[in-house]
Amino acid sequence: GMPTSVSYPYTIRDGSITPGQHASFLGKAHDPFFFENDPNDDAFTLPQLRLPSGLSASRLNRRRFIQQTIDKQTALLESSGAAQGFDLYYDRAIRMLTSDKVRSAFDLTQESESVRESYGRTTYGQSCLLSRRLIESGVKFVTVYFSNSIGGRSIEKGGWDTHGFDDTRMFEIIPKYHLPITEQTLPTLLEDLQQRGLYDDT
C-alpha cells in the first residue's frame, strides 16, 4: 500500500512547474505521490487518503473489479502502454486509499510533542519528521522541498538560490530564515535516523 516515492510540501514553480519533479516519459504510474498540504498545520490531513463519504473499501474494490473486467475486453488496453500505465496508477491509488498503514504513516499526531518540537515547528521541520515516518513505513524515496521556488526574494519563503540578489538582501535571507530552520531540523533528522537504525540505508 505504501507509495514508492513521495514529494511534498511544495511543487517547485518558476512561472510554470519546473521540469524534473515527475516521471515524465516513464508514465504517470511512476510519478511520486505529490501533496502540498502543510505538515505543520494543526489540522494537517490528506483528503487524498480518505474514502468519500458513503463509499466503503469493499465497495471501492468491487468497482475496481468491474472496471478491470471491462478493460480486459478492450483491445486498446492490450495495445496501449499509456492505458496499462493508468491501470497501474489506479491500482496504486486504491491500495493507498484502503491501507491503514498508509494513513498511520502520514499521521503526525502519533508523535510526541517533544519530538515535534525537536524537529522545529516549521513547515520544513514537520516535513522532515514526516519523511522519517515515511521511510520507517517503507517508502523508498522521499523528497522534501524547502520552498516553492529555487530562489525568491521573500525572507520567509525563499529558496536557497540567492546568487542573483544584492549582498544586503542575500545576507538578510540566509541568517534570518534559511539557517535557523536548517540548523534545528537537519541534525535532529540525522540523529533520529541513526537512533532508529535507518541512517545507513537512507
N, C-alpha and C. Protein backbone atom coordinates (compact mmCIF):
# COMPACT_ATOMS: atom_id res chain seq x y z
N GLY A 1 0.78 -1.21 0.00
CA GLY A 1 0.00 0.00 0.00
C GLY A 1 0.82 1.27 0.00
N MET A 2 2.07 1.24 0.55
CA MET A 2 2.87 2.47 0.61
C MET A 2 3.35 2.86 -0.78
N PRO A 3 3.31 4.16 -1.09
CA PRO A 3 3.86 4.60 -2.38
C PRO A 3 5.37 4.41 -2.40
N THR A 4 5.94 4.27 -3.58
CA THR A 4 7.39 4.12 -3.71
C THR A 4 8.10 5.44 -3.48
N SER A 5 7.47 6.52 -3.95
CA SER A 5 8.09 7.84 -3.89
C SER A 5 7.06 8.87 -3.45
N VAL A 6 7.47 9.78 -2.57
CA VAL A 6 6.58 10.85 -2.08
C VAL A 6 7.33 12.17 -2.16
N SER A 7 6.66 13.22 -2.65
CA SER A 7 7.25 14.56 -2.74
C SER A 7 6.28 15.57 -2.16
N TYR A 8 6.80 16.51 -1.39
CA TYR A 8 5.97 17.50 -0.70
C TYR A 8 6.86 18.53 -0.03
N PRO A 9 6.39 19.59 0.60
CA PRO A 9 5.02 20.09 0.63
C PRO A 9 4.79 21.17 -0.42
N TYR A 10 5.70 21.26 -1.38
CA TYR A 10 5.57 22.25 -2.45
C TYR A 10 5.81 21.56 -3.79
N THR A 11 5.33 22.21 -4.85
CA THR A 11 5.75 21.91 -6.20
C THR A 11 6.59 23.10 -6.63
N ILE A 12 7.80 22.87 -7.10
CA ILE A 12 8.69 23.97 -7.48
C ILE A 12 8.18 24.61 -8.76
N ARG A 13 7.99 25.92 -8.71
CA ARG A 13 7.49 26.66 -9.87
C ARG A 13 8.34 27.89 -10.12
N ASP A 14 8.49 28.21 -11.39
CA ASP A 14 9.12 29.46 -11.80
C ASP A 14 8.31 29.99 -12.97
N GLY A 15 7.10 30.43 -12.66
CA GLY A 15 6.13 30.78 -13.69
C GLY A 15 5.32 29.57 -14.10
N SER A 16 6.00 28.47 -14.38
CA SER A 16 5.34 27.18 -14.64
C SER A 16 6.05 26.13 -13.79
N ILE A 17 5.52 24.92 -13.78
CA ILE A 17 6.13 23.86 -12.96
C ILE A 17 7.51 23.52 -13.51
N THR A 18 8.51 23.57 -12.66
CA THR A 18 9.88 23.26 -13.05
C THR A 18 10.00 21.78 -13.42
N PRO A 19 10.58 21.47 -14.60
CA PRO A 19 10.70 20.06 -15.02
C PRO A 19 11.55 19.25 -14.05
N GLY A 20 11.33 17.94 -14.07
CA GLY A 20 12.15 17.03 -13.30
C GLY A 20 11.51 16.53 -12.02
N GLN A 21 10.28 16.97 -11.73
CA GLN A 21 9.63 16.57 -10.49
C GLN A 21 8.67 15.40 -10.68
N HIS A 22 8.43 15.04 -11.93
CA HIS A 22 7.53 13.94 -12.25
C HIS A 22 8.28 12.88 -13.05
N ALA A 23 7.61 11.79 -13.35
CA ALA A 23 8.26 10.66 -14.02
C ALA A 23 8.42 10.86 -15.52
N SER A 24 7.78 11.88 -16.08
CA SER A 24 7.92 12.21 -17.49
C SER A 24 7.59 11.01 -18.38
N PHE A 25 8.53 10.63 -19.26
CA PHE A 25 8.26 9.58 -20.25
C PHE A 25 8.08 8.19 -19.63
N LEU A 26 8.42 8.04 -18.36
CA LEU A 26 8.19 6.74 -17.70
C LEU A 26 6.71 6.48 -17.46
N GLY A 27 5.91 7.55 -17.45
CA GLY A 27 4.47 7.41 -17.28
C GLY A 27 3.98 7.77 -15.89
N LYS A 28 2.70 8.11 -15.81
CA LYS A 28 2.12 8.56 -14.54
C LYS A 28 2.18 7.51 -13.44
N ALA A 29 2.24 6.25 -13.81
CA ALA A 29 2.31 5.20 -12.79
C ALA A 29 3.57 5.32 -11.95
N HIS A 30 4.57 6.03 -12.47
CA HIS A 30 5.84 6.18 -11.76
C HIS A 30 6.02 7.56 -11.15
N ASP A 31 5.00 8.41 -11.25
CA ASP A 31 5.05 9.71 -10.59
C ASP A 31 5.12 9.53 -9.08
N PRO A 32 5.78 10.46 -8.38
CA PRO A 32 5.70 10.43 -6.92
C PRO A 32 4.28 10.76 -6.46
N PHE A 33 3.96 10.38 -5.26
CA PHE A 33 2.73 10.85 -4.63
C PHE A 33 3.02 12.27 -4.16
N PHE A 34 2.37 13.24 -4.79
CA PHE A 34 2.58 14.66 -4.50
C PHE A 34 1.48 15.19 -3.61
N PHE A 35 1.83 16.03 -2.65
CA PHE A 35 0.81 16.81 -1.96
C PHE A 35 1.42 18.14 -1.52
N GLU A 36 0.55 19.13 -1.33
CA GLU A 36 1.01 20.47 -0.95
C GLU A 36 0.40 20.92 0.38
N ASN A 37 -0.10 19.99 1.16
CA ASN A 37 -0.63 20.31 2.48
C ASN A 37 0.54 20.54 3.43
N ASP A 38 0.37 21.44 4.39
CA ASP A 38 1.44 21.81 5.31
C ASP A 38 1.45 20.89 6.53
N PRO A 39 2.49 20.05 6.70
CA PRO A 39 2.54 19.17 7.87
C PRO A 39 2.61 19.91 9.20
N ASN A 40 2.93 21.20 9.17
CA ASN A 40 2.98 21.99 10.40
C ASN A 40 1.62 22.53 10.80
N ASP A 41 0.65 22.37 9.94
CA ASP A 41 -0.71 22.82 10.24
C ASP A 41 -1.32 21.86 11.27
N ASP A 42 -1.92 22.41 12.33
CA ASP A 42 -2.52 21.57 13.37
C ASP A 42 -3.60 20.65 12.80
N ALA A 43 -4.22 21.08 11.71
CA ALA A 43 -5.29 20.28 11.10
C ALA A 43 -4.78 19.47 9.91
N PHE A 44 -3.47 19.20 9.87
CA PHE A 44 -2.87 18.51 8.73
C PHE A 44 -3.49 17.12 8.52
N THR A 45 -4.10 16.95 7.38
CA THR A 45 -4.59 15.64 6.92
C THR A 45 -4.47 15.63 5.41
N LEU A 46 -4.58 14.47 4.84
CA LEU A 46 -4.56 14.35 3.38
C LEU A 46 -5.89 13.80 2.91
N PRO A 47 -6.76 14.66 2.39
CA PRO A 47 -8.06 14.18 1.89
C PRO A 47 -7.90 13.09 0.83
N GLN A 48 -6.75 13.10 0.14
CA GLN A 48 -6.49 12.09 -0.89
C GLN A 48 -6.47 10.67 -0.32
N LEU A 49 -6.26 10.56 1.00
CA LEU A 49 -6.16 9.24 1.62
C LEU A 49 -7.44 8.83 2.34
N ARG A 50 -8.51 9.60 2.13
CA ARG A 50 -9.79 9.26 2.76
C ARG A 50 -10.81 8.89 1.70
N LEU A 51 -11.53 7.82 1.94
CA LEU A 51 -12.60 7.44 1.03
C LEU A 51 -13.74 8.44 1.14
N PRO A 52 -14.41 8.75 0.03
CA PRO A 52 -15.56 9.64 0.09
C PRO A 52 -16.64 9.07 1.01
N SER A 53 -17.41 9.95 1.60
CA SER A 53 -18.49 9.53 2.48
C SER A 53 -19.44 8.58 1.75
N GLY A 54 -19.76 7.47 2.39
CA GLY A 54 -20.69 6.52 1.80
C GLY A 54 -20.04 5.46 0.92
N LEU A 55 -18.71 5.57 0.72
CA LEU A 55 -18.01 4.59 -0.11
C LEU A 55 -17.08 3.76 0.77
N SER A 56 -17.43 2.49 0.96
CA SER A 56 -16.61 1.60 1.79
C SER A 56 -15.48 1.01 0.96
N ALA A 57 -14.49 0.45 1.65
CA ALA A 57 -13.36 -0.17 0.95
C ALA A 57 -13.83 -1.34 0.09
N SER A 58 -14.76 -2.14 0.60
CA SER A 58 -15.24 -3.29 -0.17
C SER A 58 -15.99 -2.84 -1.42
N ARG A 59 -16.76 -1.76 -1.29
CA ARG A 59 -17.49 -1.25 -2.45
C ARG A 59 -16.51 -0.69 -3.49
N LEU A 60 -15.47 -0.01 -3.03
CA LEU A 60 -14.45 0.51 -3.93
C LEU A 60 -13.76 -0.63 -4.68
N ASN A 61 -13.43 -1.70 -3.96
CA ASN A 61 -12.77 -2.84 -4.60
C ASN A 61 -13.69 -3.52 -5.62
N ARG A 62 -14.99 -3.56 -5.32
CA ARG A 62 -15.94 -4.14 -6.29
C ARG A 62 -15.98 -3.29 -7.56
N ARG A 63 -15.98 -1.97 -7.38
CA ARG A 63 -15.97 -1.08 -8.55
C ARG A 63 -14.72 -1.30 -9.40
N ARG A 64 -13.59 -1.44 -8.72
CA ARG A 64 -12.33 -1.65 -9.44
C ARG A 64 -12.36 -2.98 -10.19
N PHE A 65 -12.93 -4.01 -9.58
CA PHE A 65 -13.02 -5.31 -10.24
C PHE A 65 -13.87 -5.20 -11.52
N ILE A 66 -14.98 -4.49 -11.43
CA ILE A 66 -15.84 -4.30 -12.61
C ILE A 66 -15.08 -3.55 -13.69
N GLN A 67 -14.36 -2.50 -13.29
CA GLN A 67 -13.59 -1.72 -14.26
C GLN A 67 -12.54 -2.59 -14.95
N GLN A 68 -11.85 -3.42 -14.18
CA GLN A 68 -10.83 -4.30 -14.75
C GLN A 68 -11.44 -5.30 -15.72
N THR A 69 -12.62 -5.82 -15.37
CA THR A 69 -13.30 -6.78 -16.24
C THR A 69 -13.63 -6.13 -17.58
N ILE A 70 -14.13 -4.90 -17.53
CA ILE A 70 -14.46 -4.19 -18.77
C ILE A 70 -13.19 -3.89 -19.57
N ASP A 71 -12.14 -3.46 -18.87
CA ASP A 71 -10.88 -3.13 -19.55
C ASP A 71 -10.31 -4.33 -20.30
N LYS A 72 -10.44 -5.51 -19.71
CA LYS A 72 -9.88 -6.71 -20.34
C LYS A 72 -10.56 -7.03 -21.66
N GLN A 73 -11.76 -6.51 -21.85
CA GLN A 73 -12.50 -6.78 -23.08
C GLN A 73 -12.10 -5.83 -24.21
N THR A 74 -11.27 -4.86 -23.91
CA THR A 74 -10.94 -3.88 -24.94
C THR A 74 -9.55 -4.16 -25.51
N ALA A 75 -9.46 -4.10 -26.81
CA ALA A 75 -8.16 -4.30 -27.47
C ALA A 75 -7.22 -3.14 -27.15
N LEU A 76 -7.79 -1.97 -26.86
CA LEU A 76 -6.98 -0.78 -26.58
C LEU A 76 -6.03 -1.03 -25.41
N LEU A 77 -6.54 -1.64 -24.36
CA LEU A 77 -5.72 -1.83 -23.17
C LEU A 77 -4.52 -2.72 -23.46
N GLU A 78 -4.74 -3.72 -24.30
CA GLU A 78 -3.66 -4.65 -24.59
C GLU A 78 -2.60 -4.04 -25.48
N SER A 79 -2.98 -3.02 -26.28
CA SER A 79 -2.03 -2.45 -27.23
C SER A 79 -1.47 -1.11 -26.79
N SER A 80 -2.02 -0.53 -25.75
CA SER A 80 -1.61 0.81 -25.35
C SER A 80 -0.83 0.78 -24.03
N GLY A 81 0.44 1.18 -24.10
CA GLY A 81 1.25 1.28 -22.89
C GLY A 81 0.71 2.33 -21.94
N ALA A 82 0.19 3.43 -22.51
CA ALA A 82 -0.35 4.50 -21.67
C ALA A 82 -1.55 4.01 -20.87
N ALA A 83 -2.42 3.23 -21.53
CA ALA A 83 -3.59 2.70 -20.83
C ALA A 83 -3.18 1.75 -19.72
N GLN A 84 -2.17 0.92 -19.99
CA GLN A 84 -1.69 0.00 -18.96
C GLN A 84 -1.07 0.77 -17.80
N GLY A 85 -0.41 1.89 -18.11
CA GLY A 85 0.16 2.73 -17.06
C GLY A 85 -0.91 3.28 -16.15
N PHE A 86 -2.02 3.70 -16.75
CA PHE A 86 -3.13 4.21 -15.93
C PHE A 86 -3.73 3.10 -15.07
N ASP A 87 -3.74 1.88 -15.59
CA ASP A 87 -4.25 0.76 -14.82
C ASP A 87 -3.41 0.56 -13.55
N LEU A 88 -2.10 0.63 -13.68
CA LEU A 88 -1.21 0.53 -12.52
C LEU A 88 -1.44 1.70 -11.57
N TYR A 89 -1.66 2.87 -12.15
CA TYR A 89 -1.90 4.08 -11.37
C TYR A 89 -3.16 3.93 -10.51
N TYR A 90 -4.24 3.41 -11.12
CA TYR A 90 -5.49 3.19 -10.38
C TYR A 90 -5.29 2.19 -9.25
N ASP A 91 -4.59 1.10 -9.55
CA ASP A 91 -4.37 0.07 -8.53
C ASP A 91 -3.59 0.64 -7.35
N ARG A 92 -2.58 1.43 -7.65
CA ARG A 92 -1.78 2.04 -6.57
C ARG A 92 -2.65 2.96 -5.72
N ALA A 93 -3.48 3.75 -6.38
CA ALA A 93 -4.35 4.68 -5.66
C ALA A 93 -5.31 3.94 -4.74
N ILE A 94 -5.88 2.85 -5.21
CA ILE A 94 -6.83 2.08 -4.39
C ILE A 94 -6.12 1.43 -3.21
N ARG A 95 -4.91 0.91 -3.43
CA ARG A 95 -4.16 0.32 -2.31
C ARG A 95 -3.87 1.37 -1.24
N MET A 96 -3.55 2.59 -1.66
CA MET A 96 -3.28 3.65 -0.69
C MET A 96 -4.55 4.05 0.06
N LEU A 97 -5.66 4.13 -0.67
CA LEU A 97 -6.93 4.54 -0.05
C LEU A 97 -7.42 3.55 0.99
N THR A 98 -7.08 2.30 0.81
CA THR A 98 -7.64 1.27 1.70
C THR A 98 -6.62 0.74 2.71
N SER A 99 -5.47 1.41 2.83
CA SER A 99 -4.40 0.92 3.70
C SER A 99 -4.34 1.69 5.02
N ASP A 100 -4.50 0.97 6.13
CA ASP A 100 -4.32 1.58 7.45
C ASP A 100 -2.87 1.99 7.67
N LYS A 101 -1.94 1.23 7.11
CA LYS A 101 -0.52 1.54 7.26
C LYS A 101 -0.18 2.89 6.63
N VAL A 102 -0.77 3.17 5.48
CA VAL A 102 -0.53 4.45 4.81
C VAL A 102 -1.07 5.59 5.65
N ARG A 103 -2.31 5.46 6.10
CA ARG A 103 -2.90 6.53 6.92
C ARG A 103 -2.10 6.76 8.19
N SER A 104 -1.62 5.69 8.80
CA SER A 104 -0.85 5.80 10.03
C SER A 104 0.48 6.52 9.79
N ALA A 105 1.13 6.20 8.67
CA ALA A 105 2.43 6.82 8.37
C ALA A 105 2.31 8.33 8.23
N PHE A 106 1.20 8.80 7.70
CA PHE A 106 1.01 10.23 7.48
C PHE A 106 0.41 10.94 8.70
N ASP A 107 0.20 10.23 9.79
CA ASP A 107 -0.44 10.80 10.98
C ASP A 107 0.60 11.30 11.98
N LEU A 108 0.92 12.59 11.90
CA LEU A 108 1.93 13.16 12.78
C LEU A 108 1.46 13.28 14.22
N THR A 109 0.17 13.15 14.48
CA THR A 109 -0.31 13.24 15.86
C THR A 109 0.16 12.04 16.68
N GLN A 110 0.68 11.01 16.04
CA GLN A 110 1.21 9.86 16.76
C GLN A 110 2.58 10.16 17.37
N GLU A 111 3.18 11.27 16.98
CA GLU A 111 4.48 11.67 17.54
C GLU A 111 4.25 12.51 18.80
N SER A 112 5.15 12.37 19.76
CA SER A 112 5.04 13.17 20.99
C SER A 112 5.32 14.64 20.67
N GLU A 113 4.80 15.50 21.52
CA GLU A 113 5.02 16.94 21.32
C GLU A 113 6.50 17.28 21.40
N SER A 114 7.24 16.58 22.26
CA SER A 114 8.67 16.88 22.39
C SER A 114 9.43 16.54 21.11
N VAL A 115 9.06 15.45 20.46
CA VAL A 115 9.70 15.09 19.19
C VAL A 115 9.35 16.12 18.12
N ARG A 116 8.10 16.52 18.08
CA ARG A 116 7.69 17.51 17.08
C ARG A 116 8.42 18.83 17.28
N GLU A 117 8.58 19.24 18.54
CA GLU A 117 9.30 20.48 18.83
C GLU A 117 10.78 20.35 18.47
N SER A 118 11.35 19.17 18.68
CA SER A 118 12.78 19.00 18.40
C SER A 118 13.09 19.17 16.91
N TYR A 119 12.15 18.79 16.05
CA TYR A 119 12.33 18.98 14.61
C TYR A 119 12.09 20.43 14.21
N GLY A 120 11.37 21.17 15.03
CA GLY A 120 11.04 22.56 14.71
C GLY A 120 9.63 22.67 14.21
N ARG A 121 8.91 23.61 14.78
CA ARG A 121 7.51 23.82 14.37
C ARG A 121 7.45 24.75 13.16
N THR A 122 8.05 24.27 12.08
CA THR A 122 8.03 24.96 10.80
C THR A 122 7.55 23.96 9.75
N THR A 123 7.18 24.46 8.60
CA THR A 123 6.77 23.56 7.52
C THR A 123 7.89 22.58 7.20
N TYR A 124 9.13 23.08 7.12
CA TYR A 124 10.27 22.22 6.79
C TYR A 124 10.54 21.21 7.91
N GLY A 125 10.48 21.68 9.14
CA GLY A 125 10.74 20.79 10.28
C GLY A 125 9.77 19.63 10.34
N GLN A 126 8.49 19.92 10.24
CA GLN A 126 7.49 18.86 10.32
C GLN A 126 7.49 17.99 9.06
N SER A 127 7.89 18.58 7.94
CA SER A 127 8.03 17.79 6.71
C SER A 127 9.14 16.76 6.85
N CYS A 128 10.24 17.15 7.50
CA CYS A 128 11.35 16.21 7.71
C CYS A 128 10.97 15.12 8.71
N LEU A 129 10.21 15.49 9.74
CA LEU A 129 9.70 14.48 10.67
C LEU A 129 8.82 13.48 9.93
N LEU A 130 7.96 14.00 9.08
CA LEU A 130 7.10 13.12 8.29
C LEU A 130 7.94 12.22 7.38
N SER A 131 9.03 12.75 6.85
CA SER A 131 9.89 11.93 5.98
C SER A 131 10.44 10.73 6.74
N ARG A 132 10.80 10.93 8.00
CA ARG A 132 11.30 9.81 8.80
C ARG A 132 10.21 8.76 8.99
N ARG A 133 8.98 9.19 9.24
CA ARG A 133 7.86 8.26 9.39
C ARG A 133 7.62 7.48 8.09
N LEU A 134 7.73 8.16 6.96
CA LEU A 134 7.51 7.51 5.68
C LEU A 134 8.59 6.48 5.39
N ILE A 135 9.84 6.84 5.68
CA ILE A 135 10.95 5.90 5.47
C ILE A 135 10.77 4.67 6.35
N GLU A 136 10.39 4.90 7.61
CA GLU A 136 10.13 3.78 8.53
C GLU A 136 9.05 2.85 8.00
N SER A 137 8.09 3.43 7.27
CA SER A 137 6.95 2.66 6.79
C SER A 137 7.20 1.99 5.45
N GLY A 138 8.38 2.23 4.87
CA GLY A 138 8.71 1.52 3.64
C GLY A 138 8.77 2.34 2.38
N VAL A 139 8.56 3.66 2.46
CA VAL A 139 8.70 4.50 1.27
C VAL A 139 10.18 4.53 0.89
N LYS A 140 10.48 4.33 -0.39
CA LYS A 140 11.87 4.22 -0.84
C LYS A 140 12.52 5.57 -1.11
N PHE A 141 11.73 6.54 -1.54
CA PHE A 141 12.31 7.82 -1.97
C PHE A 141 11.41 8.96 -1.50
N VAL A 142 11.94 9.83 -0.67
CA VAL A 142 11.17 10.96 -0.14
C VAL A 142 11.88 12.26 -0.53
N THR A 143 11.14 13.18 -1.14
CA THR A 143 11.67 14.50 -1.47
C THR A 143 10.92 15.54 -0.65
N VAL A 144 11.65 16.27 0.19
CA VAL A 144 11.07 17.37 0.96
C VAL A 144 11.61 18.67 0.37
N TYR A 145 10.73 19.47 -0.19
CA TYR A 145 11.14 20.75 -0.76
C TYR A 145 11.14 21.82 0.33
N PHE A 146 12.21 22.61 0.36
CA PHE A 146 12.36 23.66 1.36
C PHE A 146 11.41 24.83 1.09
N SER A 147 11.18 25.11 -0.19
CA SER A 147 10.29 26.21 -0.57
C SER A 147 9.66 25.89 -1.91
N ASN A 148 8.79 26.78 -2.38
CA ASN A 148 8.11 26.51 -3.65
C ASN A 148 8.85 27.10 -4.84
N SER A 149 10.07 27.60 -4.61
CA SER A 149 10.88 28.12 -5.71
C SER A 149 12.34 27.83 -5.42
N ILE A 150 13.14 27.82 -6.46
CA ILE A 150 14.57 27.59 -6.28
C ILE A 150 15.20 28.77 -5.56
N GLY A 151 14.75 29.96 -5.92
CA GLY A 151 15.25 31.19 -5.29
C GLY A 151 14.12 31.95 -4.64
N GLY A 152 14.01 33.21 -5.00
CA GLY A 152 12.93 34.03 -4.48
C GLY A 152 13.44 35.04 -3.47
N ARG A 153 12.83 36.20 -3.46
CA ARG A 153 13.30 37.29 -2.61
C ARG A 153 12.60 37.35 -1.25
N SER A 154 11.66 36.47 -1.02
CA SER A 154 10.93 36.51 0.25
C SER A 154 11.81 36.04 1.40
N ILE A 155 11.85 36.82 2.47
CA ILE A 155 12.65 36.45 3.64
C ILE A 155 12.02 35.24 4.33
N GLU A 156 10.73 35.03 4.16
CA GLU A 156 10.05 33.96 4.87
C GLU A 156 9.71 32.76 3.99
N LYS A 157 9.94 32.86 2.69
CA LYS A 157 9.54 31.75 1.81
C LYS A 157 10.57 31.39 0.76
N GLY A 158 11.62 32.16 0.64
CA GLY A 158 12.55 31.98 -0.47
C GLY A 158 13.34 30.69 -0.42
N GLY A 159 13.80 30.27 -1.61
CA GLY A 159 14.66 29.10 -1.71
C GLY A 159 16.12 29.48 -1.49
N TRP A 160 16.99 28.51 -1.69
CA TRP A 160 18.41 28.68 -1.38
C TRP A 160 19.19 29.38 -2.48
N ASP A 161 18.65 29.51 -3.67
CA ASP A 161 19.38 30.14 -4.77
C ASP A 161 19.31 31.66 -4.62
N THR A 162 20.31 32.24 -3.96
CA THR A 162 20.31 33.68 -3.70
C THR A 162 21.40 34.40 -4.48
N HIS A 163 22.03 33.74 -5.46
CA HIS A 163 23.20 34.35 -6.11
C HIS A 163 22.84 35.57 -6.94
N GLY A 164 21.57 35.74 -7.31
CA GLY A 164 21.18 36.90 -8.10
C GLY A 164 20.81 38.11 -7.27
N PHE A 165 20.86 37.99 -5.95
CA PHE A 165 20.45 39.09 -5.08
C PHE A 165 21.63 40.03 -4.82
N ASP A 166 21.31 41.26 -4.45
CA ASP A 166 22.37 42.12 -3.96
C ASP A 166 22.80 41.61 -2.58
N ASP A 167 24.00 41.94 -2.16
CA ASP A 167 24.57 41.39 -0.93
C ASP A 167 23.68 41.59 0.28
N THR A 168 23.10 42.78 0.41
CA THR A 168 22.30 43.08 1.59
C THR A 168 21.11 42.13 1.69
N ARG A 169 20.43 41.94 0.58
CA ARG A 169 19.25 41.09 0.57
C ARG A 169 19.62 39.63 0.85
N MET A 170 20.70 39.17 0.22
CA MET A 170 21.12 37.78 0.39
C MET A 170 21.44 37.49 1.85
N PHE A 171 22.21 38.36 2.48
CA PHE A 171 22.62 38.12 3.85
C PHE A 171 21.48 38.32 4.84
N GLU A 172 20.43 38.97 4.41
CA GLU A 172 19.25 39.11 5.25
C GLU A 172 18.44 37.80 5.25
N ILE A 173 18.33 37.18 4.10
CA ILE A 173 17.52 35.97 3.97
C ILE A 173 18.19 34.77 4.65
N ILE A 174 19.47 34.56 4.38
CA ILE A 174 20.13 33.34 4.86
C ILE A 174 20.17 33.24 6.38
N PRO A 175 20.68 34.25 7.10
CA PRO A 175 20.75 34.08 8.57
C PRO A 175 19.41 34.18 9.28
N LYS A 176 18.45 34.90 8.68
CA LYS A 176 17.17 35.10 9.37
C LYS A 176 16.17 33.98 9.08
N TYR A 177 16.34 33.31 7.95
CA TYR A 177 15.34 32.31 7.57
C TYR A 177 15.95 30.93 7.33
N HIS A 178 16.86 30.83 6.37
CA HIS A 178 17.39 29.53 5.99
C HIS A 178 18.13 28.82 7.12
N LEU A 179 19.10 29.49 7.71
CA LEU A 179 19.97 28.82 8.68
C LEU A 179 19.27 28.38 9.96
N PRO A 180 18.46 29.24 10.60
CA PRO A 180 17.82 28.78 11.85
C PRO A 180 16.96 27.53 11.65
N ILE A 181 16.23 27.48 10.55
CA ILE A 181 15.39 26.31 10.28
C ILE A 181 16.25 25.08 10.03
N THR A 182 17.23 25.23 9.15
CA THR A 182 18.07 24.10 8.76
C THR A 182 18.91 23.58 9.92
N GLU A 183 19.46 24.50 10.71
CA GLU A 183 20.33 24.09 11.82
C GLU A 183 19.56 23.36 12.92
N GLN A 184 18.28 23.61 13.03
CA GLN A 184 17.48 22.86 14.00
C GLN A 184 17.04 21.52 13.43
N THR A 185 16.57 21.53 12.21
CA THR A 185 15.89 20.36 11.66
C THR A 185 16.83 19.26 11.18
N LEU A 186 17.83 19.59 10.38
CA LEU A 186 18.66 18.54 9.78
C LEU A 186 19.43 17.71 10.80
N PRO A 187 20.10 18.31 11.80
CA PRO A 187 20.77 17.46 12.80
C PRO A 187 19.80 16.54 13.54
N THR A 188 18.60 17.06 13.82
CA THR A 188 17.59 16.24 14.50
C THR A 188 17.18 15.05 13.65
N LEU A 189 16.96 15.30 12.37
CA LEU A 189 16.59 14.22 11.45
C LEU A 189 17.70 13.17 11.37
N LEU A 190 18.93 13.61 11.20
CA LEU A 190 20.05 12.66 11.07
C LEU A 190 20.23 11.84 12.34
N GLU A 191 20.13 12.50 13.49
CA GLU A 191 20.25 11.78 14.77
C GLU A 191 19.11 10.78 14.95
N ASP A 192 17.91 11.19 14.58
CA ASP A 192 16.75 10.32 14.70
C ASP A 192 16.92 9.08 13.81
N LEU A 193 17.38 9.29 12.59
CA LEU A 193 17.61 8.16 11.68
C LEU A 193 18.66 7.21 12.24
N GLN A 194 19.71 7.76 12.84
CA GLN A 194 20.75 6.91 13.43
C GLN A 194 20.21 6.09 14.60
N GLN A 195 19.47 6.75 15.48
CA GLN A 195 18.94 6.06 16.66
C GLN A 195 17.97 4.95 16.29
N ARG A 196 17.29 5.10 15.18
CA ARG A 196 16.30 4.11 14.76
C ARG A 196 16.88 3.07 13.80
N GLY A 197 18.19 3.14 13.55
CA GLY A 197 18.83 2.18 12.66
C GLY A 197 18.49 2.36 11.20
N LEU A 198 18.09 3.57 10.82
CA LEU A 198 17.69 3.84 9.44
C LEU A 198 18.75 4.59 8.65
N TYR A 199 19.75 5.12 9.34
CA TYR A 199 20.69 6.05 8.72
C TYR A 199 21.47 5.42 7.57
N ASP A 200 22.00 4.24 7.77
CA ASP A 200 22.87 3.62 6.76
C ASP A 200 22.13 3.25 5.48
N ASP A 201 20.83 3.08 5.57
CA ASP A 201 20.05 2.68 4.39
C ASP A 201 19.26 3.84 3.80
N THR A 202 19.48 5.04 4.31
CA THR A 202 18.70 6.19 3.84
C THR A 202 19.58 7.12 3.01
